[in-house]
Structures are given as C-alpha cells and as structure tokens.
Amino acid sequence: ERDDLVKTEKEKMLQGELYDPGDPELCADRVTAQRF
C-alpha cells in the first residue's frame, strides 16, 4: 500500500509535476509517437 502511493514519472508528467523525461516508459511512448 505504501508503494502504491509512489507516482510513476508518467503520472507526474500528466499531473503537471516535475518529472524525469528520460524515464524508460516515457521514452518508449515517444518512440511510439515517432512511429505514428
């Protein structure tokens, strides 16, 4: 339950908080966008 409170970098980004754009999930999302 404590771990569930830790936001992912993507969640931080979507909520307008400081985040790390080098996060692997976000990097993968940008690759998908570039293919589109």
Full PDB file with SEQRES, HELIX, SHEET, SSBOND, CRYST1, ORIGX, SCALE, CONECT and MASTER records, all heavy atoms in Angstrom:
SEQRES   1 A   36  GLU ARG ASP ASP LEU VAL LYS THR GLU LYS GLU LYS MET          
SEQRES   2 A   36  LEU GLN GLY GLU LEU TYR ASP PRO GLY ASP PRO GLU LEU          
SEQRES   3 A   36  CYS ALA ASP ARG VAL THR ALA GLN ARG PHE                      
HELIX    1 AA1 ASP A    3  LEU A    5  5                                   3    
HELIX    2 AA2 GLU A    9  LEU A   14  1                                   6    
HELIX    3 AA3 PRO A   24  ARG A   35  1                                  12    
CRYST1    1.000    1.000    1.000  90.00  90.00  90.00 P 1           1          
ORIGX1      1.000000  0.000000  0.000000        0.00000                         
ORIGX2      0.000000  1.000000  0.000000        0.00000                         
ORIGX3      0.000000  0.000000  1.000000        0.00000                         
SCALE1      1.000000  0.000000  0.000000        0.00000                         
SCALE2      0.000000  1.000000  0.000000        0.00000                         
SCALE3      0.000000  0.000000  1.000000        0.00000                         
ATOM      1  N   GLU A   1       0.825  -1.199   0.000  1.00  0.00           N  
ATOM      2  CA  GLU A   1       0.000   0.000   0.000  1.00  0.00           C  
ATOM      3  C   GLU A   1       0.859   1.248   0.000  1.00  0.00           C  
ATOM      4  O   GLU A   1       0.534   2.238  -0.648  1.00  0.00           O  
ATOM      5  CB  GLU A   1      -0.937  -0.007   1.202  1.00  0.00           C  
ATOM      6  CG  GLU A   1      -2.066  -1.017   1.079  1.00  0.00           C  
ATOM      7  CD  GLU A   1      -3.019  -0.946   2.253  1.00  0.00           C  
ATOM      8  OE1 GLU A   1      -2.767  -0.157   3.173  1.00  0.00           O  
ATOM      9  OE2 GLU A   1      -4.005  -1.686   2.229  1.00  0.00           O  
ATOM     10  N   ARG A   2       1.976   1.228   0.723  1.00  0.00           N  
ATOM     11  CA  ARG A   2       2.871   2.380   0.718  1.00  0.00           C  
ATOM     12  C   ARG A   2       3.497   2.550  -0.667  1.00  0.00           C  
ATOM     13  O   ARG A   2       3.626   3.661  -1.169  1.00  0.00           O  
ATOM     14  CB  ARG A   2       3.949   2.222   1.787  1.00  0.00           C  
ATOM     15  CG  ARG A   2       3.414   2.301   3.212  1.00  0.00           C  
ATOM     16  CD  ARG A   2       4.500   2.669   4.199  1.00  0.00           C  
ATOM     17  NE  ARG A   2       5.555   1.661   4.263  1.00  0.00           N  
ATOM     18  CZ  ARG A   2       5.539   0.624   5.066  1.00  0.00           C  
ATOM     19  NH1 ARG A   2       4.509   0.425   5.876  1.00  0.00           N  
ATOM     20  NH2 ARG A   2       6.535  -0.233   5.080  1.00  0.00           N  
ATOM     21  N   ASP A   3       3.867   1.454  -1.282  1.00  0.00           N  
ATOM     22  CA  ASP A   3       4.469   1.525  -2.613  1.00  0.00           C  
ATOM     23  C   ASP A   3       3.501   2.090  -3.635  1.00  0.00           C  
ATOM     24  O   ASP A   3       3.896   2.787  -4.568  1.00  0.00           O  
ATOM     25  CB  ASP A   3       4.941   0.129  -3.057  1.00  0.00           C  
ATOM     26  CG  ASP A   3       6.156  -0.344  -2.262  1.00  0.00           C  
ATOM     27  OD1 ASP A   3       6.793   0.519  -1.618  1.00  0.00           O  
ATOM     28  OD2 ASP A   3       6.440  -1.546  -2.273  1.00  0.00           O  
ATOM     29  N   ASP A   4       2.205   1.775  -3.473  1.00  0.00           N  
ATOM     30  CA  ASP A   4       1.216   2.241  -4.430  1.00  0.00           C  
ATOM     31  C   ASP A   4       1.085   3.757  -4.437  1.00  0.00           C  
ATOM     32  O   ASP A   4       0.550   4.345  -5.373  1.00  0.00           O  
ATOM     33  CB  ASP A   4      -0.157   1.615  -4.126  1.00  0.00           C  
ATOM     34  CG  ASP A   4      -0.212   0.145  -4.516  1.00  0.00           C  
ATOM     35  OD1 ASP A   4       0.688  -0.282  -5.266  1.00  0.00           O  
ATOM     36  OD2 ASP A   4      -1.133  -0.553  -4.065  1.00  0.00           O  
ATOM     37  N   LEU A   5       1.546   4.415  -3.364  1.00  0.00           N  
ATOM     38  CA  LEU A   5       1.466   5.862  -3.287  1.00  0.00           C  
ATOM     39  C   LEU A   5       2.583   6.547  -4.067  1.00  0.00           C  
ATOM     40  O   LEU A   5       2.555   7.759  -4.245  1.00  0.00           O  
ATOM     41  CB  LEU A   5       1.510   6.313  -1.822  1.00  0.00           C  
ATOM     42  CG  LEU A   5       0.347   5.830  -0.951  1.00  0.00           C  
ATOM     43  CD1 LEU A   5       0.531   6.309   0.480  1.00  0.00           C  
ATOM     44  CD2 LEU A   5      -0.984   6.328  -1.500  1.00  0.00           C  
ATOM     45  N   VAL A   6       3.583   5.815  -4.494  1.00  0.00           N  
ATOM     46  CA  VAL A   6       4.699   6.390  -5.247  1.00  0.00           C  
ATOM     47  C   VAL A   6       4.280   6.560  -6.704  1.00  0.00           C  
ATOM     48  O   VAL A   6       3.932   5.586  -7.377  1.00  0.00           O  
ATOM     49  CB  VAL A   6       5.947   5.489  -5.145  1.00  0.00           C  
ATOM     50  CG1 VAL A   6       7.080   6.069  -5.979  1.00  0.00           C  
ATOM     51  CG2 VAL A   6       6.365   5.337  -3.693  1.00  0.00           C  
ATOM     52  N   LYS A   7       4.309   7.781  -7.200  1.00  0.00           N  
ATOM     53  CA  LYS A   7       3.871   8.053  -8.566  1.00  0.00           C  
ATOM     54  C   LYS A   7       4.954   7.672  -9.563  1.00  0.00           C  
ATOM     55  O   LYS A   7       6.143   7.834  -9.310  1.00  0.00           O  
ATOM     56  CB  LYS A   7       3.541   9.539  -8.720  1.00  0.00           C  
ATOM     57  CG  LYS A   7       2.377  10.010  -7.895  1.00  0.00           C  
ATOM     58  CD  LYS A   7       2.138  11.499  -8.106  1.00  0.00           C  
ATOM     59  CE  LYS A   7       1.002  12.003  -7.249  1.00  0.00           C  
ATOM     60  NZ  LYS A   7       0.807  13.473  -7.408  1.00  0.00           N  
ATOM     61  N   THR A   8       4.517   7.191 -10.718  1.00  0.00           N  
ATOM     62  CA  THR A   8       5.453   6.989 -11.818  1.00  0.00           C  
ATOM     63  C   THR A   8       5.799   8.343 -12.429  1.00  0.00           C  
ATOM     64  O   THR A   8       5.107   9.349 -12.218  1.00  0.00           O  
ATOM     65  CB  THR A   8       4.841   6.089 -12.895  1.00  0.00           C  
ATOM     66  OG1 THR A   8       3.731   6.778 -13.507  1.00  0.00           O  
ATOM     67  CG2 THR A   8       4.360   4.769 -12.305  1.00  0.00           C  
ATOM     68  N   GLU A   9       6.862   8.367 -13.213  1.00  0.00           N  
ATOM     69  CA  GLU A   9       7.241   9.617 -13.888  1.00  0.00           C  
ATOM     70  C   GLU A   9       6.144  10.060 -14.859  1.00  0.00           C  
ATOM     71  O   GLU A   9       5.885  11.256 -15.017  1.00  0.00           O  
ATOM     72  CB  GLU A   9       8.572   9.439 -14.619  1.00  0.00           C  
ATOM     73  CG  GLU A   9       9.741   9.138 -13.696  1.00  0.00           C  
ATOM     74  CD  GLU A   9       9.950  10.208 -12.639  1.00  0.00           C  
ATOM     75  OE1 GLU A   9       9.980  11.400 -12.995  1.00  0.00           O  
ATOM     76  OE2 GLU A   9      10.071   9.843 -11.449  1.00  0.00           O  
ATOM     77  N   LYS A  10       5.481   9.097 -15.483  1.00  0.00           N  
ATOM     78  CA  LYS A  10       4.385   9.435 -16.391  1.00  0.00           C  
ATOM     79  C   LYS A  10       3.237  10.086 -15.634  1.00  0.00           C  
ATOM     80  O   LYS A  10       2.638  11.077 -16.110  1.00  0.00           O  
ATOM     81  CB  LYS A  10       3.908   8.188 -17.133  1.00  0.00           C  
ATOM     82  CG  LYS A  10       2.824   8.446 -18.164  1.00  0.00           C  
ATOM     83  CD  LYS A  10       2.543   7.192 -18.964  1.00  0.00           C  
ATOM     84  CE  LYS A  10       1.495   7.430 -20.034  1.00  0.00           C  
ATOM     85  NZ  LYS A  10       1.291   6.215 -20.886  1.00  0.00           N  
ATOM     86  N   GLU A  11       2.898   9.537 -14.473  1.00  0.00           N  
ATOM     87  CA  GLU A  11       1.831  10.126 -13.664  1.00  0.00           C  
ATOM     88  C   GLU A  11       2.185  11.546 -13.243  1.00  0.00           C  
ATOM     89  O   GLU A  11       1.337  12.452 -13.271  1.00  0.00           O  
ATOM     90  CB  GLU A  11       1.560   9.253 -12.441  1.00  0.00           C  
ATOM     91  CG  GLU A  11       0.866   7.940 -12.778  1.00  0.00           C  
ATOM     92  CD  GLU A  11       0.816   6.983 -11.601  1.00  0.00           C  
ATOM     93  OE1 GLU A  11       1.677   7.085 -10.694  1.00  0.00           O  
ATOM     94  OE2 GLU A  11      -0.081   6.124 -11.596  1.00  0.00           O  
ATOM     95  N   LYS A  12       3.440  11.756 -12.859  1.00  0.00           N  
ATOM     96  CA  LYS A  12       3.883  13.107 -12.503  1.00  0.00           C  
ATOM     97  C   LYS A  12       3.736  14.052 -13.692  1.00  0.00           C  
ATOM     98  O   LYS A  12       3.266  15.187 -13.553  1.00  0.00           O  
ATOM     99  CB  LYS A  12       5.340  13.084 -12.034  1.00  0.00           C  
ATOM    100  CG  LYS A  12       5.588  12.332 -10.746  1.00  0.00           C  
ATOM    101  CD  LYS A  12       7.085  12.310 -10.458  1.00  0.00           C  
ATOM    102  CE  LYS A  12       7.435  11.412  -9.298  1.00  0.00           C  
ATOM    103  NZ  LYS A  12       8.911  11.338  -9.081  1.00  0.00           N  
ATOM    104  N   MET A  13       4.155  13.601 -14.857  1.00  0.00           N  
ATOM    105  CA  MET A  13       4.066  14.421 -16.061  1.00  0.00           C  
ATOM    106  C   MET A  13       2.626  14.824 -16.340  1.00  0.00           C  
ATOM    107  O   MET A  13       2.328  16.013 -16.570  1.00  0.00           O  
ATOM    108  CB  MET A  13       4.633  13.663 -17.261  1.00  0.00           C  
ATOM    109  CG  MET A  13       4.572  14.434 -18.570  1.00  0.00           C  
ATOM    110  SD  MET A  13       5.068  13.447 -20.013  1.00  0.00           S  
ATOM    111  CE  MET A  13       3.553  12.512 -20.297  1.00  0.00           C  
ATOM    112  N   LEU A  14       1.722  13.856 -16.311  1.00  0.00           N  
ATOM    113  CA  LEU A  14       0.329  14.119 -16.645  1.00  0.00           C  
ATOM    114  C   LEU A  14      -0.331  15.050 -15.633  1.00  0.00           C  
ATOM    115  O   LEU A  14      -1.288  15.754 -15.968  1.00  0.00           O  
ATOM    116  CB  LEU A  14      -0.446  12.808 -16.729  1.00  0.00           C  
ATOM    117  CG  LEU A  14      -0.014  11.856 -17.851  1.00  0.00           C  
ATOM    118  CD1 LEU A  14      -0.774  10.543 -17.761  1.00  0.00           C  
ATOM    119  CD2 LEU A  14      -0.211  12.492 -19.219  1.00  0.00           C  
ATOM    120  N   GLN A  15       0.181  15.070 -14.412  1.00  0.00           N  
ATOM    121  CA  GLN A  15      -0.390  15.908 -13.365  1.00  0.00           C  
ATOM    122  C   GLN A  15       0.317  17.254 -13.226  1.00  0.00           C  
ATOM    123  O   GLN A  15       0.045  18.009 -12.297  1.00  0.00           O  
ATOM    124  CB  GLN A  15      -0.371  15.140 -12.034  1.00  0.00           C  
ATOM    125  CG  GLN A  15      -1.284  13.929 -12.041  1.00  0.00           C  
ATOM    126  CD  GLN A  15      -1.120  13.039 -10.820  1.00  0.00           C  
ATOM    127  OE1 GLN A  15      -0.613  13.473  -9.789  1.00  0.00           O  
ATOM    128  NE2 GLN A  15      -1.542  11.788 -10.941  1.00  0.00           N  
ATOM    129  N   GLY A  16       1.218  17.553 -14.159  1.00  0.00           N  
ATOM    130  CA  GLY A  16       1.886  18.844 -14.153  1.00  0.00           C  
ATOM    131  C   GLY A  16       2.964  18.999 -13.100  1.00  0.00           C  
ATOM    132  O   GLY A  16       3.352  20.124 -12.763  1.00  0.00           O  
ATOM    133  N   GLU A  17       3.481  17.883 -12.592  1.00  0.00           N  
ATOM    134  CA  GLU A  17       4.534  17.928 -11.583  1.00  0.00           C  
ATOM    135  C   GLU A  17       5.903  17.756 -12.244  1.00  0.00           C  
ATOM    136  O   GLU A  17       6.002  17.334 -13.397  1.00  0.00           O  
ATOM    137  CB  GLU A  17       4.303  16.824 -10.547  1.00  0.00           C  
ATOM    138  CG  GLU A  17       2.975  16.934  -9.825  1.00  0.00           C  
ATOM    139  CD  GLU A  17       2.704  15.747  -8.918  1.00  0.00           C  
ATOM    140  OE1 GLU A  17       3.624  14.906  -8.750  1.00  0.00           O  
ATOM    141  OE2 GLU A  17       1.588  15.654  -8.379  1.00  0.00           O  
ATOM    142  N   LEU A  18       6.951  18.074 -11.501  1.00  0.00           N  
ATOM    143  CA  LEU A  18       8.301  17.826 -12.002  1.00  0.00           C  
ATOM    144  C   LEU A  18       8.486  16.328 -12.251  1.00  0.00           C  
ATOM    145  O   LEU A  18       8.093  15.507 -11.430  1.00  0.00           O  
ATOM    146  CB  LEU A  18       9.331  18.323 -10.998  1.00  0.00           C  
ATOM    147  CG  LEU A  18       9.434  19.843 -10.843  1.00  0.00           C  
ATOM    148  CD1 LEU A  18      10.299  20.187  -9.631  1.00  0.00           C  
ATOM    149  CD2 LEU A  18      10.002  20.492 -12.104  1.00  0.00           C  
ATOM    150  N   TYR A  19       9.101  16.003 -13.390  1.00  0.00           N  
ATOM    151  CA  TYR A  19       9.291  14.596 -13.749  1.00  0.00           C  
ATOM    152  C   TYR A  19      10.565  14.447 -14.570  1.00  0.00           C  
ATOM    153  O   TYR A  19      11.132  15.428 -15.065  1.00  0.00           O  
ATOM    154  CB  TYR A  19       8.086  14.079 -14.541  1.00  0.00           C  
ATOM    155  CG  TYR A  19       8.012  14.615 -15.951  1.00  0.00           C  
ATOM    156  CD1 TYR A  19       8.514  13.878 -17.027  1.00  0.00           C  
ATOM    157  CD2 TYR A  19       7.485  15.878 -16.225  1.00  0.00           C  
ATOM    158  CE1 TYR A  19       8.473  14.377 -18.320  1.00  0.00           C  
ATOM    159  CE2 TYR A  19       7.435  16.380 -17.498  1.00  0.00           C  
ATOM    160  CZ  TYR A  19       7.935  15.632 -18.553  1.00  0.00           C  
ATOM    161  OH  TYR A  19       7.906  16.136 -19.828  1.00  0.00           O  
ATOM    162  N   ASP A  20      10.987  13.206 -14.715  1.00  0.00           N  
ATOM    163  CA  ASP A  20      12.191  12.877 -15.474  1.00  0.00           C  
ATOM    164  C   ASP A  20      11.793  12.401 -16.873  1.00  0.00           C  
ATOM    165  O   ASP A  20      11.265  11.302 -17.019  1.00  0.00           O  
ATOM    166  CB  ASP A  20      12.977  11.785 -14.747  1.00  0.00           C  
ATOM    167  CG  ASP A  20      14.208  11.332 -15.518  1.00  0.00           C  
ATOM    168  OD1 ASP A  20      14.569  11.979 -16.531  1.00  0.00           O  
ATOM    169  OD2 ASP A  20      14.817  10.328 -15.102  1.00  0.00           O  
ATOM    170  N   PRO A  21      12.053  13.204 -17.924  1.00  0.00           N  
ATOM    171  CA  PRO A  21      11.664  12.782 -19.273  1.00  0.00           C  
ATOM    172  C   PRO A  21      12.484  11.615 -19.810  1.00  0.00           C  
ATOM    173  O   PRO A  21      12.108  11.019 -20.817  1.00  0.00           O  
ATOM    174  CB  PRO A  21      11.884  14.041 -20.108  1.00  0.00           C  
ATOM    175  CG  PRO A  21      12.935  14.804 -19.367  1.00  0.00           C  
ATOM    176  CD  PRO A  21      12.676  14.540 -17.915  1.00  0.00           C  
ATOM    177  N   GLY A  22      13.581  11.282 -19.128  1.00  0.00           N  
ATOM    178  CA  GLY A  22      14.377  10.129 -19.536  1.00  0.00           C  
ATOM    179  C   GLY A  22      13.876   8.811 -19.005  1.00  0.00           C  
ATOM    180  O   GLY A  22      14.486   7.762 -19.257  1.00  0.00           O  
ATOM    181  N   ASP A  23      12.755   8.837 -18.301  1.00  0.00           N  
ATOM    182  CA  ASP A  23      12.157   7.606 -17.778  1.00  0.00           C  
ATOM    183  C   ASP A  23      11.884   6.625 -18.920  1.00  0.00           C  
ATOM    184  O   ASP A  23      11.386   7.013 -19.983  1.00  0.00           O  
ATOM    185  CB  ASP A  23      10.855   7.966 -17.064  1.00  0.00           C  
ATOM    186  CG  ASP A  23      10.088   6.755 -16.610  1.00  0.00           C  
ATOM    187  OD1 ASP A  23      10.518   6.119 -15.633  1.00  0.00           O  
ATOM    188  OD2 ASP A  23       9.056   6.434 -17.235  1.00  0.00           O  
ATOM    189  N   PRO A  24      12.197   5.336 -18.737  1.00  0.00           N  
ATOM    190  CA  PRO A  24      12.034   4.372 -19.841  1.00  0.00           C  
ATOM    191  C   PRO A  24      10.618   4.297 -20.403  1.00  0.00           C  
ATOM    192  O   PRO A  24      10.435   4.150 -21.618  1.00  0.00           O  
ATOM    193  CB  PRO A  24      12.448   3.040 -19.199  1.00  0.00           C  
ATOM    194  CG  PRO A  24      13.403   3.436 -18.118  1.00  0.00           C  
ATOM    195  CD  PRO A  24      12.892   4.731 -17.578  1.00  0.00           C  
ATOM    196  N   GLU A  25       9.603   4.389 -19.543  1.00  0.00           N  
ATOM    197  CA  GLU A  25       8.228   4.339 -20.037  1.00  0.00           C  
ATOM    198  C   GLU A  25       7.936   5.519 -20.957  1.00  0.00           C  
ATOM    199  O   GLU A  25       7.326   5.351 -22.027  1.00  0.00           O  
ATOM    200  CB  GLU A  25       7.247   4.336 -18.873  1.00  0.00           C  
ATOM    201  CG  GLU A  25       5.785   4.267 -19.309  1.00  0.00           C  
ATOM    202  CD  GLU A  25       4.807   4.310 -18.164  1.00  0.00           C  
ATOM    203  OE1 GLU A  25       5.200   4.716 -17.040  1.00  0.00           O  
ATOM    204  OE2 GLU A  25       3.626   3.940 -18.366  1.00  0.00           O  
ATOM    205  N   LEU A  26       8.391   6.705 -20.581  1.00  0.00           N  
ATOM    206  CA  LEU A  26       8.162   7.883 -21.413  1.00  0.00           C  
ATOM    207  C   LEU A  26       8.972   7.821 -22.699  1.00  0.00           C  
ATOM    208  O   LEU A  26       8.495   8.239 -23.760  1.00  0.00           O  
ATOM    209  CB  LEU A  26       8.484   9.151 -20.622  1.00  0.00           C  
ATOM    210  CG  LEU A  26       7.543   9.429 -19.437  1.00  0.00           C  
ATOM    211  CD1 LEU A  26       8.025  10.652 -18.651  1.00  0.00           C  
ATOM    212  CD2 LEU A  26       6.118   9.629 -19.922  1.00  0.00           C  
ATOM    213  N   CYS A  27      10.192   7.314 -22.612  1.00  0.00           N  
ATOM    214  CA  CYS A  27      10.996   7.148 -23.831  1.00  0.00           C  
ATOM    215  C   CYS A  27      10.300   6.216 -24.811  1.00  0.00           C  
ATOM    216  O   CYS A  27      10.260   6.481 -26.022  1.00  0.00           O  
ATOM    217  CB  CYS A  27      12.383   6.614 -23.479  1.00  0.00           C  
ATOM    218  SG  CYS A  27      13.441   7.789 -22.613  1.00  0.00           S  
ATOM    219  N   ALA A  28       9.735   5.132 -24.304  1.00  0.00           N  
ATOM    220  CA  ALA A  28       9.013   4.189 -25.170  1.00  0.00           C  
ATOM    221  C   ALA A  28       7.784   4.842 -25.782  1.00  0.00           C  
ATOM    222  O   ALA A  28       7.466   4.619 -26.960  1.00  0.00           O  
ATOM    223  CB  ALA A  28       8.628   2.948 -24.377  1.00  0.00           C  
ATOM    224  N   ASP A  29       7.083   5.662 -24.992  1.00  0.00           N  
ATOM    225  CA  ASP A  29       5.914   6.358 -25.527  1.00  0.00           C  
ATOM    226  C   ASP A  29       6.299   7.312 -26.653  1.00  0.00           C  
ATOM    227  O   ASP A  29       5.570   7.453 -27.646  1.00  0.00           O  
ATOM    228  CB  ASP A  29       5.221   7.151 -24.414  1.00  0.00           C  
ATOM    229  CG  ASP A  29       4.431   6.266 -23.457  1.00  0.00           C  
ATOM    230  OD1 ASP A  29       4.301   5.056 -23.734  1.00  0.00           O  
ATOM    231  OD2 ASP A  29       3.940   6.798 -22.444  1.00  0.00           O  
ATOM    232  N   ARG A  30       7.440   7.971 -26.529  1.00  0.00           N  
ATOM    233  CA  ARG A  30       7.880   8.898 -27.581  1.00  0.00           C  
ATOM    234  C   ARG A  30       8.291   8.144 -28.841  1.00  0.00           C  
ATOM    235  O   ARG A  30       8.085   8.634 -29.962  1.00  0.00           O  
ATOM    236  CB  ARG A  30       9.014   9.788 -27.076  1.00  0.00           C  
ATOM    237  CG  ARG A  30       8.558  10.784 -26.009  1.00  0.00           C  
ATOM    238  CD  ARG A  30       9.569  11.893 -25.804  1.00  0.00           C  
ATOM    239  NE  ARG A  30      10.843  11.397 -25.311  1.00  0.00           N  
ATOM    240  CZ  ARG A  30      11.125  11.205 -24.021  1.00  0.00           C  
ATOM    241  NH1 ARG A  30      10.214  11.460 -23.098  1.00  0.00           N  
ATOM    242  NH2 ARG A  30      12.317  10.771 -23.650  1.00  0.00           N  
ATOM    243  N   VAL A  31       8.852   6.968 -28.676  1.00  0.00           N  
ATOM    244  CA  VAL A  31       9.163   6.147 -29.852  1.00  0.00           C  
ATOM    245  C   VAL A  31       7.873   5.781 -30.587  1.00  0.00           C  
ATOM    246  O   VAL A  31       7.792   5.863 -31.824  1.00  0.00           O  
ATOM    247  CB  VAL A  31       9.935   4.876 -29.441  1.00  0.00           C  
ATOM    248  CG1 VAL A  31      10.012   3.894 -30.604  1.00  0.00           C  
ATOM    249  CG2 VAL A  31      11.335   5.243 -28.969  1.00  0.00           C  
ATOM    250  N   THR A  32       6.844   5.401 -29.837  1.00  0.00           N  
ATOM    251  CA  THR A  32       5.546   5.089 -30.444  1.00  0.00           C  
ATOM    252  C   THR A  32       5.005   6.305 -31.192  1.00  0.00           C  
ATOM    253  O   THR A  32       4.490   6.184 -32.323  1.00  0.00           O  
ATOM    254  CB  THR A  32       4.548   4.641 -29.375  1.00  0.00           C  
ATOM    255  OG1 THR A  32       5.040   3.444 -28.739  1.00  0.00           O  
ATOM    256  CG2 THR A  32       3.178   4.365 -29.972  1.00  0.00           C  
ATOM    257  N   ALA A  33       5.117   7.474 -30.584  1.00  0.00           N  
ATOM    258  CA  ALA A  33       4.640   8.700 -31.235  1.00  0.00           C  
ATOM    259  C   ALA A  33       5.427   8.996 -32.506  1.00  0.00           C  
ATOM    260  O   ALA A  33       4.859   9.431 -33.519  1.00  0.00           O  
ATOM    261  CB  ALA A  33       4.742   9.872 -30.265  1.00  0.00           C  
ATOM    262  N   GLN A  34       6.721   8.751 -32.473  1.00  0.00           N  
ATOM    263  CA  GLN A  34       7.542   9.000 -33.667  1.00  0.00           C  
ATOM    264  C   GLN A  34       7.188   8.042 -34.801  1.00  0.00           C  
ATOM    265  O   GLN A  34       7.186   8.434 -35.976  1.00  0.00           O  
ATOM    266  CB  GLN A  34       9.020   8.904 -33.293  1.00  0.00           C  
ATOM    267  CG  GLN A  34       9.474  10.066 -32.418  1.00  0.00           C  
ATOM    268  CD  GLN A  34      10.782   9.814 -31.704  1.00  0.00           C  
ATOM    269  OE1 GLN A  34      11.524   8.886 -32.038  1.00  0.00           O  
ATOM    270  NE2 GLN A  34      11.059  10.626 -30.687  1.00  0.00           N  
ATOM    271  N   ARG A  35       6.850   6.821 -34.459  1.00  0.00           N  
ATOM    272  CA  ARG A  35       6.406   5.880 -35.500  1.00  0.00           C  
ATOM    273  C   ARG A  35       5.080   6.339 -36.106  1.00  0.00           C  
ATOM    274  O   ARG A  35       4.870   6.234 -37.319  1.00  0.00           O  
ATOM    275  CB  ARG A  35       6.260   4.487 -34.909  1.00  0.00           C  
ATOM    276  CG  ARG A  35       7.603   3.830 -34.577  1.00  0.00           C  
ATOM    277  CD  ARG A  35       7.414   2.534 -33.819  1.00  0.00           C  
ATOM    278  NE  ARG A  35       8.695   1.881 -33.547  1.00  0.00           N  
ATOM    279  CZ  ARG A  35       8.890   0.985 -32.591  1.00  0.00           C  
ATOM    280  NH1 ARG A  35       7.869   0.627 -31.814  1.00  0.00           N  
ATOM    281  NH2 ARG A  35      10.077   0.455 -32.411  1.00  0.00           N  
ATOM    282  N   PHE A  36       4.186   6.850 -35.246  1.00  0.00           N  
ATOM    283  CA  PHE A  36       2.920   7.402 -35.740  1.00  0.00           C  
ATOM    284  C   PHE A  36       3.181   8.574 -36.681  1.00  0.00           C  
ATOM    285  O   PHE A  36       2.596   8.651 -37.771  1.00  0.00           O  
ATOM    286  CB  PHE A  36       2.057   7.849 -34.566  1.00  0.00           C  
ATOM    287  CG  PHE A  36       1.058   8.914 -34.917  1.00  0.00           C  
ATOM    288  CD1 PHE A  36      -0.022   8.630 -35.741  1.00  0.00           C  
ATOM    289  CD2 PHE A  36       1.202  10.203 -34.423  1.00  0.00           C  
ATOM    290  CE1 PHE A  36      -0.935   9.617 -36.078  1.00  0.00           C  
ATOM    291  CE2 PHE A  36       0.288  11.193 -34.752  1.00  0.00           C  
ATOM    292  CZ  PHE A  36      -0.785  10.901 -35.581  1.00  0.00           C  
TER     293      PHE A  36                                                      
MASTER        0    0    0    3    0    0    0    6  292    1    0    3          
END                                                                             
